[in-house]
Amino acid sequence: MVPEPILLRTLKVLDHQIHRAEGLSFDECEHVPETLPYEVLMKKSAPPKSDVPIIIPSNFLEADGFVFGFPTRFGMMAAQFKAFLDVTRDLWRTRQLAGKPTGIFYNTRSQGGGQETTA
């Protein structure tokens, strides 16, 4: 039997804990827009495009809170996630998201793989 990838196990545990919490709901999972051109993705043999909806900054206004998850790449969050956060700067600057709880989780392939600088 092939062991389950760590990130998948982490997501399953997180989903289970969210559903156990009284008064909380996990409404939907979204992903940030891709920043690489289609041609580059094809050269890298990227997997097919997901049917998971793409998040837009205005979605933040409707949410009661957020949990972000991303891989660590060279001691930093993925460039796509960083680009998305940069687009949301006005929401944070004008305090439209003040009081909304936010959490993160991230994954590395090795101990000391950059997780200490990612968050």
PDB file of N, CA and C in Angstrom:
ATOM      1  N   MET A   1       0.843  -1.181   0.000  1.00  0.00           N
ATOM      2  CA  MET A   1       0.000   0.000   0.000  1.00  0.00           C
ATOM      3  C   MET A   1       0.887   1.243   0.000  1.00  0.00           C
ATOM      4  N   VAL A   2       0.594   2.180  -0.868  1.00  0.00           N
ATOM      5  CA  VAL A   2       1.360   3.422  -0.961  1.00  0.00           C
ATOM      6  C   VAL A   2       0.872   4.380   0.121  1.00  0.00           C
ATOM      7  N   PRO A   3       1.800   4.948   0.919  1.00  0.00           N
ATOM      8  CA  PRO A   3       1.367   5.871   1.968  1.00  0.00           C
ATOM      9  C   PRO A   3       0.778   7.150   1.368  1.00  0.00           C
ATOM     10  N   GLU A   4      -0.159   7.720   2.100  1.00  0.00           N
ATOM     11  CA  GLU A   4      -0.807   8.952   1.671  1.00  0.00           C
ATOM     12  C   GLU A   4       0.184  10.114   1.778  1.00  0.00           C
ATOM     13  N   PRO A   5       0.195  11.049   0.826  1.00  0.00           N
ATOM     14  CA  PRO A   5       1.084  12.213   0.940  1.00  0.00           C
ATOM     15  C   PRO A   5       0.762  13.009   2.204  1.00  0.00           C
ATOM     16  N   ILE A   6       1.781  13.590   2.796  1.00  0.00           N
ATOM     17  CA  ILE A   6       1.629  14.316   4.058  1.00  0.00           C
ATOM     18  C   ILE A   6       0.620  15.450   3.935  1.00  0.00           C
ATOM     19  N   LEU A   7       0.685  16.221   2.851  1.00  0.00           N
ATOM     20  CA  LEU A   7      -0.234  17.347   2.713  1.00  0.00           C
ATOM     21  C   LEU A   7      -1.681  16.869   2.655  1.00  0.00           C
ATOM     22  N   LEU A   8      -1.941  15.771   1.978  1.00  0.00           N
ATOM     23  CA  LEU A   8      -3.300  15.243   1.891  1.00  0.00           C
ATOM     24  C   LEU A   8      -3.794  14.820   3.268  1.00  0.00           C
ATOM     25  N   ARG A   9      -2.933  14.155   4.036  1.00  0.00           N
ATOM     26  CA  ARG A   9      -3.314  13.772   5.404  1.00  0.00           C
ATOM     27  C   ARG A   9      -3.597  15.012   6.240  1.00  0.00           C
ATOM     28  N   THR A  10      -2.745  16.035   6.099  1.00  0.00           N
ATOM     29  CA  THR A  10      -2.924  17.278   6.848  1.00  0.00           C
ATOM     30  C   THR A  10      -4.263  17.918   6.513  1.00  0.00           C
ATOM     31  N   LEU A  11      -4.595  17.962   5.230  1.00  0.00           N
ATOM     32  CA  LEU A  11      -5.864  18.560   4.814  1.00  0.00           C
ATOM     33  C   LEU A  11      -7.054  17.777   5.354  1.00  0.00           C
ATOM     34  N   LYS A  12      -6.953  16.450   5.366  1.00  0.00           N
ATOM     35  CA  LYS A  12      -8.048  15.630   5.887  1.00  0.00           C
ATOM     36  C   LYS A  12      -8.245  15.872   7.382  1.00  0.00           C
ATOM     37  N   VAL A  13      -7.154  15.961   8.125  1.00  0.00           N
ATOM     38  CA  VAL A  13      -7.246  16.228   9.564  1.00  0.00           C
ATOM     39  C   VAL A  13      -7.831  17.614   9.792  1.00  0.00           C
ATOM     40  N   LEU A  14      -7.360  18.602   9.034  1.00  0.00           N
ATOM     41  CA  LEU A  14      -7.868  19.964   9.170  1.00  0.00           C
ATOM     42  C   LEU A  14      -9.363  20.008   8.861  1.00  0.00           C
ATOM     43  N   ASP A  15      -9.774  19.364   7.793  1.00  0.00           N
ATOM     44  CA  ASP A  15     -11.188  19.325   7.418  1.00  0.00           C
ATOM     45  C   ASP A  15     -12.016  18.674   8.528  1.00  0.00           C
ATOM     46  N   HIS A  16     -11.512  17.573   9.076  1.00  0.00           N
ATOM     47  CA  HIS A  16     -12.218  16.876  10.160  1.00  0.00           C
ATOM     48  C   HIS A  16     -12.365  17.787  11.380  1.00  0.00           C
ATOM     49  N   GLN A  17     -11.299  18.482  11.750  1.00  0.00           N
ATOM     50  CA  GLN A  17     -11.338  19.353  12.923  1.00  0.00           C
ATOM     51  C   GLN A  17     -12.291  20.531  12.707  1.00  0.00           C
ATOM     52  N   ILE A  18     -12.299  21.080  11.497  1.00  0.00           N
ATOM     53  CA  ILE A  18     -13.206  22.197  11.211  1.00  0.00           C
ATOM     54  C   ILE A  18     -14.653  21.740  11.337  1.00  0.00           C
ATOM     55  N   HIS A  19     -14.946  20.550  10.801  1.00  0.00           N
ATOM     56  CA  HIS A  19     -16.318  20.056  10.875  1.00  0.00           C
ATOM     57  C   HIS A  19     -16.731  19.694  12.305  1.00  0.00           C
ATOM     58  N   ARG A  20     -15.787  19.386  13.160  1.00  0.00           N
ATOM     59  CA  ARG A  20     -16.093  19.082  14.565  1.00  0.00           C
ATOM     60  C   ARG A  20     -16.368  20.340  15.371  1.00  0.00           C
ATOM     61  N   ALA A  21     -15.773  21.461  14.953  1.00  0.00           N
ATOM     62  CA  ALA A  21     -15.911  22.705  15.714  1.00  0.00           C
ATOM     63  C   ALA A  21     -17.353  23.215  15.630  1.00  0.00           C
ATOM     64  N   GLU A  22     -17.906  23.518  16.769  1.00  0.00           N
ATOM     65  CA  GLU A  22     -19.293  23.957  16.818  1.00  0.00           C
ATOM     66  C   GLU A  22     -19.437  25.349  16.210  1.00  0.00           C
ATOM     67  N   GLY A  23     -20.394  25.510  15.321  1.00  0.00           N
ATOM     68  CA  GLY A  23     -20.672  26.820  14.742  1.00  0.00           C
ATOM     69  C   GLY A  23     -19.789  27.204  13.575  1.00  0.00           C
ATOM     70  N   LEU A  24     -18.861  26.344  13.189  1.00  0.00           N
ATOM     71  CA  LEU A  24     -17.990  26.649  12.054  1.00  0.00           C
ATOM     72  C   LEU A  24     -18.376  25.789  10.866  1.00  0.00           C
ATOM     73  N   SER A  25     -18.140  26.316   9.691  1.00  0.00           N
ATOM     74  CA  SER A  25     -18.366  25.513   8.489  1.00  0.00           C
ATOM     75  C   SER A  25     -17.254  25.769   7.490  1.00  0.00           C
ATOM     76  N   PHE A  26     -16.948  24.754   6.747  1.00  0.00           N
ATOM     77  CA  PHE A  26     -15.944  24.837   5.693  1.00  0.00           C
ATOM     78  C   PHE A  26     -16.731  24.975   4.403  1.00  0.00           C
ATOM     79  N   ASP A  27     -16.987  26.206   3.994  1.00  0.00           N
ATOM     80  CA  ASP A  27     -17.894  26.452   2.877  1.00  0.00           C
ATOM     81  C   ASP A  27     -17.323  26.058   1.530  1.00  0.00           C
ATOM     82  N   GLU A  28     -16.118  26.477   1.270  1.00  0.00           N
ATOM     83  CA  GLU A  28     -15.570  26.109  -0.029  1.00  0.00           C
ATOM     84  C   GLU A  28     -14.064  26.250  -0.045  1.00  0.00           C
ATOM     85  N   CYS A  29     -13.487  25.544  -0.957  1.00  0.00           N
ATOM     86  CA  CYS A  29     -12.051  25.589  -1.167  1.00  0.00           C
ATOM     87  C   CYS A  29     -11.825  26.297  -2.502  1.00  0.00           C
ATOM     88  N   GLU A  30     -10.923  27.232  -2.516  1.00  0.00           N
ATOM     89  CA  GLU A  30     -10.620  27.978  -3.735  1.00  0.00           C
ATOM     90  C   GLU A  30      -9.113  28.011  -3.919  1.00  0.00           C
ATOM     91  N   HIS A  31      -8.678  28.296  -5.120  1.00  0.00           N
ATOM     92  CA  HIS A  31      -7.245  28.439  -5.330  1.00  0.00           C
ATOM     93  C   HIS A  31      -6.957  29.783  -5.976  1.00  0.00           C
ATOM     94  N   VAL A  32      -5.716  30.221  -5.821  1.00  0.00           N
ATOM     95  CA  VAL A  32      -5.320  31.518  -6.377  1.00  0.00           C
ATOM     96  C   VAL A  32      -5.039  31.377  -7.872  1.00  0.00           C
ATOM     97  N   PRO A  33      -5.107  32.475  -8.604  1.00  0.00           N
ATOM     98  CA  PRO A  33      -4.849  32.409 -10.046  1.00  0.00           C
ATOM     99  C   PRO A  33      -3.415  31.975 -10.350  1.00  0.00           C
ATOM    100  N   GLU A  34      -3.248  31.269 -11.432  1.00  0.00           N
ATOM    101  CA  GLU A  34      -1.923  30.856 -11.910  1.00  0.00           C
ATOM    102  C   GLU A  34      -1.221  32.073 -12.508  1.00  0.00           C
ATOM    103  N   THR A  35       0.062  32.202 -12.232  1.00  0.00           N
ATOM    104  CA  THR A  35       0.822  33.333 -12.770  1.00  0.00           C
ATOM    105  C   THR A  35       1.670  32.956 -13.977  1.00  0.00           C
ATOM    106  N   LEU A  36       1.891  31.670 -14.178  1.00  0.00           N
ATOM    107  CA  LEU A  36       2.710  31.238 -15.313  1.00  0.00           C
ATOM    108  C   LEU A  36       1.875  31.127 -16.581  1.00  0.00           C
ATOM    109  N   PRO A  37       2.449  31.499 -17.719  1.00  0.00           N
ATOM    110  CA  PRO A  37       1.730  31.347 -18.991  1.00  0.00           C
ATOM    111  C   PRO A  37       1.467  29.868 -19.300  1.00  0.00           C
ATOM    112  N   TYR A  38       0.423  29.623 -20.053  1.00  0.00           N
ATOM    113  CA  TYR A  38       0.020  28.272 -20.432  1.00  0.00           C
ATOM    114  C   TYR A  38       1.174  27.503 -21.075  1.00  0.00           C
ATOM    115  N   GLU A  39       1.933  28.167 -21.940  1.00  0.00           N
ATOM    116  CA  GLU A  39       3.040  27.513 -22.649  1.00  0.00           C
ATOM    117  C   GLU A  39       4.093  26.993 -21.668  1.00  0.00           C
ATOM    118  N   VAL A  40       4.380  27.763 -20.655  1.00  0.00           N
ATOM    119  CA  VAL A  40       5.364  27.351 -19.647  1.00  0.00           C
ATOM    120  C   VAL A  40       4.824  26.154 -18.866  1.00  0.00           C
ATOM    121  N   LEU A  41       3.562  26.189 -18.515  1.00  0.00           N
ATOM    122  CA  LEU A  41       2.959  25.075 -17.784  1.00  0.00           C
ATOM    123  C   LEU A  41       3.019  23.785 -18.595  1.00  0.00           C
ATOM    124  N   MET A  42       2.802  23.887 -19.889  1.00  0.00           N
ATOM    125  CA  MET A  42       2.859  22.699 -20.751  1.00  0.00           C
ATOM    126  C   MET A  42       4.279  22.139 -20.821  1.00  0.00           C
ATOM    127  N   LYS A  43       5.282  23.012 -20.887  1.00  0.00           N
ATOM    128  CA  LYS A  43       6.680  22.558 -20.917  1.00  0.00           C
ATOM    129  C   LYS A  43       7.063  21.865 -19.611  1.00  0.00           C
ATOM    130  N   LYS A  44       6.449  22.288 -18.516  1.00  0.00           N
ATOM    131  CA  LYS A  44       6.739  21.693 -17.209  1.00  0.00           C
ATOM    132  C   LYS A  44       5.882  20.462 -16.933  1.00  0.00           C
ATOM    133  N   SER A  45       5.062  20.063 -17.890  1.00  0.00           N
ATOM    134  CA  SER A  45       4.140  18.929 -17.723  1.00  0.00           C
ATOM    135  C   SER A  45       3.242  19.114 -16.505  1.00  0.00           C
ATOM    136  N   ALA A  46       2.725  20.312 -16.358  1.00  0.00           N
ATOM    137  CA  ALA A  46       1.835  20.617 -15.238  1.00  0.00           C
ATOM    138  C   ALA A  46       0.554  19.797 -15.354  1.00  0.00           C
ATOM    139  N   PRO A  47      -0.053  19.456 -14.222  1.00  0.00           N
ATOM    140  CA  PRO A  47      -1.312  18.703 -14.282  1.00  0.00           C
ATOM    141  C   PRO A  47      -2.407  19.542 -14.931  1.00  0.00           C
ATOM    142  N   PRO A  48      -3.466  18.892 -15.394  1.00  0.00           N
ATOM    143  CA  PRO A  48      -4.561  19.640 -16.021  1.00  0.00           C
ATOM    144  C   PRO A  48      -5.174  20.651 -15.058  1.00  0.00           C
ATOM    145  N   LYS A  49      -5.792  21.666 -15.622  1.00  0.00           N
ATOM    146  CA  LYS A  49      -6.414  22.712 -14.818  1.00  0.00           C
ATOM    147  C   LYS A  49      -7.501  22.113 -13.922  1.00  0.00           C
ATOM    148  N   SER A  50      -7.520  22.540 -12.686  1.00  0.00           N
ATOM    149  CA  SER A  50      -8.462  22.039 -11.693  1.00  0.00           C
ATOM    150  C   SER A  50      -9.839  22.674 -11.884  1.00  0.00           C
ATOM    151  N   ASP A  51     -10.866  21.985 -11.407  1.00  0.00           N
ATOM    152  CA  ASP A  51     -12.204  22.567 -11.443  1.00  0.00           C
ATOM    153  C   ASP A  51     -12.524  23.331 -10.154  1.00  0.00           C
ATOM    154  N   VAL A  52     -11.529  23.457  -9.277  1.00  0.00           N
ATOM    155  CA  VAL A  52     -11.685  24.248  -8.060  1.00  0.00           C
ATOM    156  C   VAL A  52     -11.766  25.718  -8.471  1.00  0.00           C
ATOM    157  N   PRO A  53     -12.744  26.465  -7.946  1.00  0.00           N
ATOM    158  CA  PRO A  53     -12.881  27.864  -8.362  1.00  0.00           C
ATOM    159  C   PRO A  53     -11.689  28.721  -7.940  1.00  0.00           C
ATOM    160  N   ILE A  54     -11.462  29.769  -8.699  1.00  0.00           N
ATOM    161  CA  ILE A  54     -10.381  30.715  -8.406  1.00  0.00           C
ATOM    162  C   ILE A  54     -10.925  31.789  -7.470  1.00  0.00           C
ATOM    163  N   ILE A  55     -10.170  32.087  -6.424  1.00  0.00           N
ATOM    164  CA  ILE A  55     -10.586  33.099  -5.458  1.00  0.00           C
ATOM    165  C   ILE A  55     -10.335  34.493  -6.023  1.00  0.00           C
ATOM    166  N   ILE A  56     -11.198  35.409  -5.660  1.00  0.00           N
ATOM    167  CA  ILE A  56     -11.004  36.817  -6.006  1.00  0.00           C
ATOM    168  C   ILE A  56     -11.022  37.604  -4.700  1.00  0.00           C
ATOM    169  N   PRO A  57     -10.314  38.737  -4.642  1.00  0.00           N
ATOM    170  CA  PRO A  57     -10.206  39.474  -3.381  1.00  0.00           C
ATOM    171  C   PRO A  57     -11.546  39.815  -2.724  1.00  0.00           C
ATOM    172  N   SER A  58     -12.569  40.096  -3.505  1.00  0.00           N
ATOM    173  CA  SER A  58     -13.859  40.461  -2.905  1.00  0.00           C
ATOM    174  C   SER A  58     -14.483  39.300  -2.121  1.00  0.00           C
ATOM    175  N   ASN A  59     -14.053  38.063  -2.388  1.00  0.00           N
ATOM    176  CA  ASN A  59     -14.547  36.913  -1.610  1.00  0.00           C
ATOM    177  C   ASN A  59     -14.193  37.061  -0.134  1.00  0.00           C
ATOM    178  N   PHE A  60     -13.101  37.739   0.159  1.00  0.00           N
ATOM    179  CA  PHE A  60     -12.676  37.928   1.544  1.00  0.00           C
ATOM    180  C   PHE A  60     -13.718  38.695   2.349  1.00  0.00           C
ATOM    181  N   LEU A  61     -14.400  39.618   1.702  1.00  0.00           N
ATOM    182  CA  LEU A  61     -15.367  40.452   2.415  1.00  0.00           C
ATOM    183  C   LEU A  61     -16.551  39.641   2.917  1.00  0.00           C
ATOM    184  N   GLU A  62     -16.889  38.564   2.232  1.00  0.00           N
ATOM    185  CA  GLU A  62     -18.037  37.739   2.595  1.00  0.00           C
ATOM    186  C   GLU A  62     -17.700  36.689   3.657  1.00  0.00           C
ATOM    187  N   ALA A  63     -16.433  36.379   3.825  1.00  0.00           N
ATOM    188  CA  ALA A  63     -16.021  35.304   4.736  1.00  0.00           C
ATOM    189  C   ALA A  63     -15.923  35.800   6.178  1.00  0.00           C
ATOM    190  N   ASP A  64     -16.168  34.875   7.111  1.00  0.00           N
ATOM    191  CA  ASP A  64     -16.006  35.186   8.533  1.00  0.00           C
ATOM    192  C   ASP A  64     -14.559  35.022   8.978  1.00  0.00           C
ATOM    193  N   GLY A  65     -13.782  34.244   8.239  1.00  0.00           N
ATOM    194  CA  GLY A  65     -12.379  33.997   8.551  1.00  0.00           C
ATOM    195  C   GLY A  65     -11.745  33.224   7.415  1.00  0.00           C
ATOM    196  N   PHE A  66     -10.443  32.988   7.511  1.00  0.00           N
ATOM    197  CA  PHE A  66      -9.706  32.354   6.422  1.00  0.00           C
ATOM    198  C   PHE A  66      -8.693  31.357   6.965  1.00  0.00           C
ATOM    199  N   VAL A  67      -8.448  30.317   6.194  1.00  0.00           N
ATOM    200  CA  VAL A  67      -7.333  29.406   6.437  1.00  0.00           C
ATOM    201  C   VAL A  67      -6.640  29.237   5.093  1.00  0.00           C
ATOM    202  N   PHE A  68      -5.367  29.600   5.042  1.00  0.00           N
ATOM    203  CA  PHE A  68      -4.589  29.507   3.814  1.00  0.00           C
ATOM    204  C   PHE A  68      -3.602  28.354   3.922  1.00  0.00           C
ATOM    205  N   GLY A  69      -3.441  27.609   2.861  1.00  0.00           N
ATOM    206  CA  GLY A  69      -2.466  26.526   2.822  1.00  0.00           C
ATOM    207  C   GLY A  69      -1.665  26.600   1.541  1.00  0.00           C
ATOM    208  N   PHE A  70      -0.360  26.385   1.647  1.00  0.00           N
ATOM    209  CA  PHE A  70       0.494  26.460   0.463  1.00  0.00           C
ATOM    210  C   PHE A  70       1.792  25.706   0.700  1.00  0.00           C
ATOM    211  N   PRO A  71       2.451  25.309  -0.374  1.00  0.00           N
ATOM    212  CA  PRO A  71       3.755  24.652  -0.238  1.00  0.00           C
ATOM    213  C   PRO A  71       4.847  25.688   0.000  1.00  0.00           C
ATOM    214  N   THR A  72       5.947  25.238   0.575  1.00  0.00           N
ATOM    215  CA  THR A  72       7.116  26.097   0.730  1.00  0.00           C
ATOM    216  C   THR A  72       8.036  25.885  -0.459  1.00  0.00           C
ATOM    217  N   ARG A  73       8.457  26.959  -1.060  1.00  0.00           N
ATOM    218  CA  ARG A  73       9.397  26.879  -2.177  1.00  0.00           C
ATOM    219  C   ARG A  73      10.592  27.759  -1.863  1.00  0.00           C
ATOM    220  N   PHE A  74      11.724  27.129  -1.620  1.00  0.00           N
ATOM    221  CA  PHE A  74      12.966  27.843  -1.333  1.00  0.00           C
ATOM    222  C   PHE A  74      12.790  28.832  -0.179  1.00  0.00           C
ATOM    223  N   GLY A  75      12.110  28.391   0.869  1.00  0.00           N
ATOM    224  CA  GLY A  75      11.956  29.214   2.060  1.00  0.00           C
ATOM    225  C   GLY A  75      10.930  30.319   1.930  1.00  0.00           C
ATOM    226  N   MET A  76      10.040  30.214   0.960  1.00  0.00           N
ATOM    227  CA  MET A  76       9.025  31.245   0.769  1.00  0.00           C
ATOM    228  C   MET A  76       7.737  30.600   0.266  1.00  0.00           C
ATOM    229  N   MET A  77       6.629  31.287   0.476  1.00  0.00           N
ATOM    230  CA  MET A  77       5.360  30.788  -0.066  1.00  0.00           C
ATOM    231  C   MET A  77       5.419  30.791  -1.587  1.00  0.00           C
ATOM    232  N   ALA A  78       4.537  30.047  -2.214  1.00  0.00           N
ATOM    233  CA  ALA A  78       4.493  29.984  -3.673  1.00  0.00           C
ATOM    234  C   ALA A  78       4.266  31.381  -4.250  1.00  0.00           C
ATOM    235  N   ALA A  79       4.912  31.667  -5.367  1.00  0.00           N
ATOM    236  CA  ALA A  79       4.817  32.986  -6.007  1.00  0.00           C
ATOM    237  C   ALA A  79       3.372  33.341  -6.344  1.00  0.00           C
ATOM    238  N   GLN A  80       2.578  32.344  -6.720  1.00  0.00           N
ATOM    239  CA  GLN A  80       1.183  32.602  -7.060  1.00  0.00           C
ATOM    240  C   GLN A  80       0.413  33.132  -5.847  1.00  0.00           C
ATOM    241  N   PHE A  81       0.689  32.547  -4.671  1.00  0.00           N
ATOM    242  CA  PHE A  81       0.000  32.998  -3.461  1.00  0.00           C
ATOM    243  C   PHE A  81       0.478  34.388  -3.064  1.00  0.00           C
ATOM    244  N   LYS A  82       1.773  34.621  -3.176  1.00  0.00           N
ATOM    245  CA  LYS A  82       2.325  35.948  -2.865  1.00  0.00           C
ATOM    246  C   LYS A  82       1.711  37.004  -3.774  1.00  0.00           C
ATOM    247  N   ALA A  83       1.593  36.703  -5.068  1.00  0.00           N
ATOM    248  CA  ALA A  83       0.992  37.652  -6.013  1.00  0.00           C
ATOM    249  C   ALA A  83      -0.459  37.940  -5.632  1.00  0.00           C
ATOM    250  N   PHE A  84      -1.187  36.900  -5.206  1.00  0.00           N
ATOM    251  CA  PHE A  84      -2.578  37.111  -4.803  1.00  0.00           C
ATOM    252  C   PHE A  84      -2.650  37.989  -3.557  1.00  0.00           C
ATOM    253  N   LEU A  85      -1.820  37.723  -2.561  1.00  0.00           N
ATOM    254  CA  LEU A  85      -1.827  38.556  -1.354  1.00  0.00           C
ATOM    255  C   LEU A  85      -1.518  40.009  -1.684  1.00  0.00           C
ATOM    256  N   ASP A  86      -0.601  40.232  -2.608  1.00  0.00           N
ATOM    257  CA  ASP A  86      -0.273  41.602  -3.012  1.00  0.00           C
ATOM    258  C   ASP A  86      -1.497  42.320  -3.580  1.00  0.00           C
ATOM    259  N   VAL A  87      -2.351  41.592  -4.287  1.00  0.00           N
ATOM    260  CA  VAL A  87      -3.560  42.185  -4.877  1.00  0.00           C
ATOM    261  C   VAL A  87      -4.579  42.566  -3.798  1.00  0.00           C
ATOM    262  N   THR A  88      -4.529  41.911  -2.650  1.00  0.00           N
ATOM    263  CA  THR A  88      -5.502  42.180  -1.582  1.00  0.00           C
ATOM    264  C   THR A  88      -5.061  43.305  -0.644  1.00  0.00           C
ATOM    265  N   ARG A  89      -3.972  43.967  -0.950  1.00  0.00           N
ATOM    266  CA  ARG A  89      -3.397  44.954  -0.025  1.00  0.00           C
ATOM    267  C   ARG A  89      -4.385  46.039   0.397  1.00  0.00           C
ATOM    268  N   ASP A  90      -5.263  46.504  -0.507  1.00  0.00           N
ATOM    269  CA  ASP A  90      -6.201  47.567  -0.142  1.00  0.00           C
ATOM    270  C   ASP A  90      -7.227  47.107   0.892  1.00  0.00           C
ATOM    271  N   LEU A  91      -7.602  45.841   0.844  1.00  0.00           N
ATOM    272  CA  LEU A  91      -8.530  45.320   1.852  1.00  0.00           C
ATOM    273  C   LEU A  91      -7.896  45.347   3.237  1.00  0.00           C
ATOM    274  N   TRP A  92      -6.625  44.991   3.310  1.00  0.00           N
ATOM    275  CA  TRP A  92      -5.918  44.994   4.596  1.00  0.00           C
ATOM    276  C   TRP A  92      -5.625  46.433   5.030  1.00  0.00           C
ATOM    277  N   ARG A  93      -5.205  47.270   4.090  1.00  0.00           N
ATOM    278  CA  ARG A  93      -4.826  48.651   4.403  1.00  0.00           C
ATOM    279  C   ARG A  93      -6.010  49.439   4.952  1.00  0.00           C
ATOM    280  N   THR A  94      -7.198  49.227   4.390  1.00  0.00           N
ATOM    281  CA  THR A  94      -8.390  49.954   4.818  1.00  0.00           C
ATOM    282  C   THR A  94      -9.124  49.248   5.958  1.00  0.00           C
ATOM    283  N   ARG A  95      -8.523  48.201   6.487  1.00  0.00           N
ATOM    284  CA  ARG A  95      -9.039  47.457   7.641  1.00  0.00           C
ATOM    285  C   ARG A  95     -10.405  46.831   7.393  1.00  0.00           C
ATOM    286  N   GLN A  96     -10.726  46.528   6.144  1.00  0.00           N
ATOM    287  CA  GLN A  96     -11.995  45.873   5.829  1.00  0.00           C
ATOM    288  C   GLN A  96     -12.013  44.423   6.310  1.00  0.00           C
ATOM    289  N   LEU A  97     -10.843  43.889   6.628  1.00  0.00           N
ATOM    290  CA  LEU A  97     -10.753  42.505   7.086  1.00  0.00           C
ATOM    291  C   LEU A  97     -10.433  42.419   8.577  1.00  0.00           C
ATOM    292  N   ALA A  98     -10.446  43.565   9.258  1.00  0.00           N
ATOM    293  CA  ALA A  98     -10.128  43.598  10.689  1.00  0.00           C
ATOM    294  C   ALA A  98     -11.117  42.735  11.464  1.00  0.00           C
ATOM    295  N   GLY A  99     -10.606  41.955  12.396  1.00  0.00           N
ATOM    296  CA  GLY A  99     -11.438  41.119  13.245  1.00  0.00           C
ATOM    297  C   GLY A  99     -11.762  39.751  12.674  1.00  0.00           C
ATOM    298  N   LYS A 100     -11.325  39.469  11.450  1.00  0.00           N
ATOM    299  CA  LYS A 100     -11.581  38.156  10.853  1.00  0.00           C
ATOM    300  C   LYS A 100     -10.397  37.242  11.168  1.00  0.00           C
ATOM    301  N   PRO A 101     -10.640  36.130  11.867  1.00  0.00           N
ATOM    302  CA  PRO A 101      -9.522  35.238  12.198  1.00  0.00           C
ATOM    303  C   PRO A 101      -8.917  34.622  10.936  1.00  0.00           C
ATOM    304  N   THR A 102      -7.608  34.490  10.965  1.00  0.00           N
ATOM    305  CA  THR A 102      -6.872  33.964   9.814  1.00  0.00           C
ATOM    306  C   THR A 102      -5.836  32.962  10.298  1.00  0.00           C
ATOM    307  N   GLY A 103      -5.688  31.871   9.571  1.00  0.00           N
ATOM    308  CA  GLY A 103      -4.683  30.869   9.895  1.00  0.00           C
ATOM    309  C   GLY A 103      -3.979  30.413   8.634  1.00  0.00           C
ATOM    310  N   ILE A 104      -2.815  29.818   8.821  1.00  0.00           N
ATOM    311  CA  ILE A 104      -2.067  29.282   7.679  1.00  0.00           C
ATOM    312  C   ILE A 104      -1.542  27.896   8.024  1.00  0.00           C
ATOM    313  N   PHE A 105      -1.323  27.108   7.002  1.00  0.00           N
ATOM    314  CA  PHE A 105      -0.561  25.876   7.126  1.00  0.00           C
ATOM    315  C   PHE A 105       0.263  25.754   5.868  1.00  0.00           C
ATOM    316  N   TYR A 106       1.393  25.106   5.982  1.00  0.00           N
ATOM    317  CA  TYR A 106       2.300  24.984   4.846  1.00  0.00           C
ATOM    318  C   TYR A 106       3.003  23.651   4.934  1.00  0.00           C
ATOM    319  N   ASN A 107       3.633  23.271   3.847  1.00  0.00           N
ATOM    320  CA  ASN A 107       4.236  21.950   3.756  1.00  0.00           C
ATOM    321  C   ASN A 107       5.614  22.048   3.115  1.00  0.00           C
ATOM    322  N   THR A 108       6.549  21.279   3.642  1.00  0.00           N
ATOM    323  CA  THR A 108       7.873  21.157   3.026  1.00  0.00           C
ATOM    324  C   THR A 108       8.175  19.672   2.864  1.00  0.00           C
ATOM    325  N   ARG A 109       9.140  19.376   2.040  1.00  0.00           N
ATOM    326  CA  ARG A 109       9.492  17.971   1.808  1.00  0.00           C
ATOM    327  C   ARG A 109      10.563  17.474   2.776  1.00  0.00           C
ATOM    328  N   SER A 110      11.150  18.385   3.540  1.00  0.00           N
ATOM    329  CA  SER A 110      12.212  17.954   4.443  1.00  0.00           C
ATOM    330  C   SER A 110      12.241  18.833   5.686  1.00  0.00           C
ATOM    331  N   GLN A 111      12.826  18.281   6.748  1.00  0.00           N
ATOM    332  CA  GLN A 111      13.020  19.062   7.951  1.00  0.00           C
ATOM    333  C   GLN A 111      13.999  20.183   7.629  1.00  0.00           C
ATOM    334  N   GLY A 112      13.695  21.385   8.067  1.00  0.00           N
ATOM    335  CA  GLY A 112      14.559  22.519   7.753  1.00  0.00           C
ATOM    336  C   GLY A 112      14.435  22.939   6.296  1.00  0.00           C
ATOM    337  N   GLY A 113      13.312  22.603   5.665  1.00  0.00           N
ATOM    338  CA  GLY A 113      13.109  22.902   4.250  1.00  0.00           C
ATOM    339  C   GLY A 113      12.590  24.296   3.975  1.00  0.00           C
ATOM    340  N   GLY A 114      12.648  25.187   4.949  1.00  0.00           N
ATOM    341  CA  GLY A 114      12.237  26.559   4.731  1.00  0.00           C
ATOM    342  C   GLY A 114      10.965  26.960   5.447  1.00  0.00           C
ATOM    343  N   GLN A 115      10.341  26.014   6.166  1.00  0.00           N
ATOM    344  CA  GLN A 115       9.086  26.343   6.822  1.00  0.00           C
ATOM    345  C   GLN A 115       9.234  27.461   7.843  1.00  0.00           C
ATOM    346  N   GLU A 116      10.413  27.582   8.430  1.00  0.00           N
ATOM    347  CA  GLU A 116      10.612  28.611   9.448  1.00  0.00           C
ATOM    348  C   GLU A 116      10.608  30.018   8.865  1.00  0.00           C
ATOM    349  N   THR A 117      10.827  30.171   7.580  1.00  0.00           N
ATOM    350  CA  THR A 117      10.780  31.497   6.956  1.00  0.00           C
ATOM    351  C   THR A 117       9.529  31.696   6.109  1.00  0.00           C
ATOM    352  N   THR A 118       8.799  30.638   5.824  1.00  0.00           N
ATOM    353  CA  THR A 118       7.611  30.746   4.976  1.00  0.00           C
ATOM    354  C   THR A 118       6.511  31.550   5.642  1.00  0.00           C
ATOM    355  N   ALA A 119       6.239  31.249   6.906  1.00  0.00           N
ATOM    356  CA  ALA A 119       5.144  31.931   7.608  1.00  0.00           C
ATOM    357  C   ALA A 119       5.521  33.364   7.889  1.00  0.00           C
TER     358      ALA A 119
END
